[in-house]
Protein backbone atom coordinates (compact mmCIF):
# COMPACT_ATOMS: atom_id res chain seq x y z
CA MET A 1 143.51 80.01 119.88
CA THR A 2 146.05 82.61 120.87
CA THR A 3 145.37 85.70 122.93
CA THR A 4 146.47 87.84 119.99
CA LEU A 5 143.74 86.32 117.83
CA ILE A 6 141.15 86.73 120.58
CA ARG A 7 142.18 90.37 121.03
CA GLN A 8 141.87 91.03 117.27
CA VAL A 9 138.44 89.40 117.14
CA LEU A 10 137.24 91.47 120.10
CA ILE A 11 138.59 94.70 118.59
CA TRP A 12 136.92 94.04 115.23
CA SER A 13 133.71 92.96 116.91
CA THR A 14 133.67 96.12 119.01
CA CYS A 15 134.29 98.34 115.98
CA LEU A 16 131.61 96.67 113.87
CA ASN A 17 129.08 96.74 116.70
CA TYR A 18 129.72 100.44 117.34
CA ALA A 19 129.31 101.10 113.59
CA VAL A 20 125.89 99.39 113.73
CA LEU A 21 124.99 101.37 116.86
CA LEU A 22 126.02 104.67 115.25
CA ALA A 23 124.11 103.83 112.04
CA TRP A 24 121.00 103.00 114.06
CA ALA A 25 121.31 106.16 116.15
CA GLY A 26 122.02 108.24 113.04
CA GLY A 27 119.00 106.81 111.29
CA PHE A 28 116.88 107.46 114.35
CA ILE A 29 118.10 111.06 114.61
CA PHE A 30 118.14 112.06 110.95
CA ALA A 31 115.48 109.80 109.38
CA ARG A 32 113.09 109.38 112.28
CA GLY A 33 110.02 110.40 110.29
CA TRP A 34 110.72 107.90 107.53
CA MET A 35 111.44 105.14 110.05
CA TYR A 36 108.23 105.92 111.94
CA ARG A 37 106.12 105.83 108.76
CA MET A 38 107.71 102.53 107.70
CA HIS A 39 107.13 100.87 111.08
CA ARG A 40 103.64 102.29 111.34
CA ARG A 41 102.64 100.36 108.22
CA TRP A 42 103.30 97.10 110.04
CA PHE A 43 102.55 97.94 113.67
CA ARG A 44 100.14 100.20 115.48
CA LEU A 45 102.58 102.40 117.39
CA SER A 46 102.16 105.75 118.99
CA ASP A 47 104.90 108.34 118.67
CA GLU A 48 105.89 107.84 122.30
CA ALA A 49 105.98 104.04 122.01
CA PHE A 50 108.14 104.24 118.89
CA ASP A 51 110.64 106.53 120.64
CA ALA A 52 110.69 104.37 123.78
CA ILE A 53 111.27 101.16 121.81
CA HIS A 54 114.17 102.62 119.87
CA TYR A 55 115.70 104.35 122.87
CA GLY A 56 115.47 101.13 124.90
CA GLY A 57 116.86 99.09 122.01
CA LEU A 58 119.81 101.43 121.62
CA ALA A 59 120.52 101.24 125.36
CA ILE A 60 120.35 97.43 125.44
CA TYR A 61 122.55 97.12 122.35
CA LYS A 62 125.11 99.51 123.82
CA LEU A 63 125.10 97.59 127.10
CA GLY A 64 125.63 94.36 125.15
CA ILE A 65 128.63 95.87 123.37
CA LEU A 66 130.12 96.96 126.68
CA LEU A 67 129.58 93.65 128.45
CA LEU A 68 130.34 91.25 125.60
CA ASN A 69 133.12 93.09 123.77
CA LEU A 70 134.81 95.82 125.79
CA VAL A 71 134.97 94.13 129.19
CA PRO A 72 136.61 90.96 127.80
CA LEU A 73 138.96 93.13 125.74
CA ILE A 74 140.04 94.99 128.89
CA ALA A 75 140.20 91.81 130.98
CA LEU A 76 142.41 89.94 128.49
CA PRO A 77 145.65 91.83 129.25
CA LEU A 78 144.87 91.71 132.97
CA ALA A 79 144.57 87.93 132.82
CA GLU A 80 147.81 87.58 130.85
CA GLY A 81 150.15 89.16 133.23
């Protein structure tokens, strides 16, 4: 596997993961009521617990993108030369 291929995979992975993150955040911001009603059918959640779960999930997902996609993407050129 070449470094060019690895770089392309990391770039695409980063873009797709940020698209998922933005869709999740957008859904949470603009369709929060609908999401809360849907989840409330399946789970007994308070308003505060629902917000905390989604906020924590967004933070963990963003941290995963940073650590698993962006850091290797930045480190790749540093390791090459």
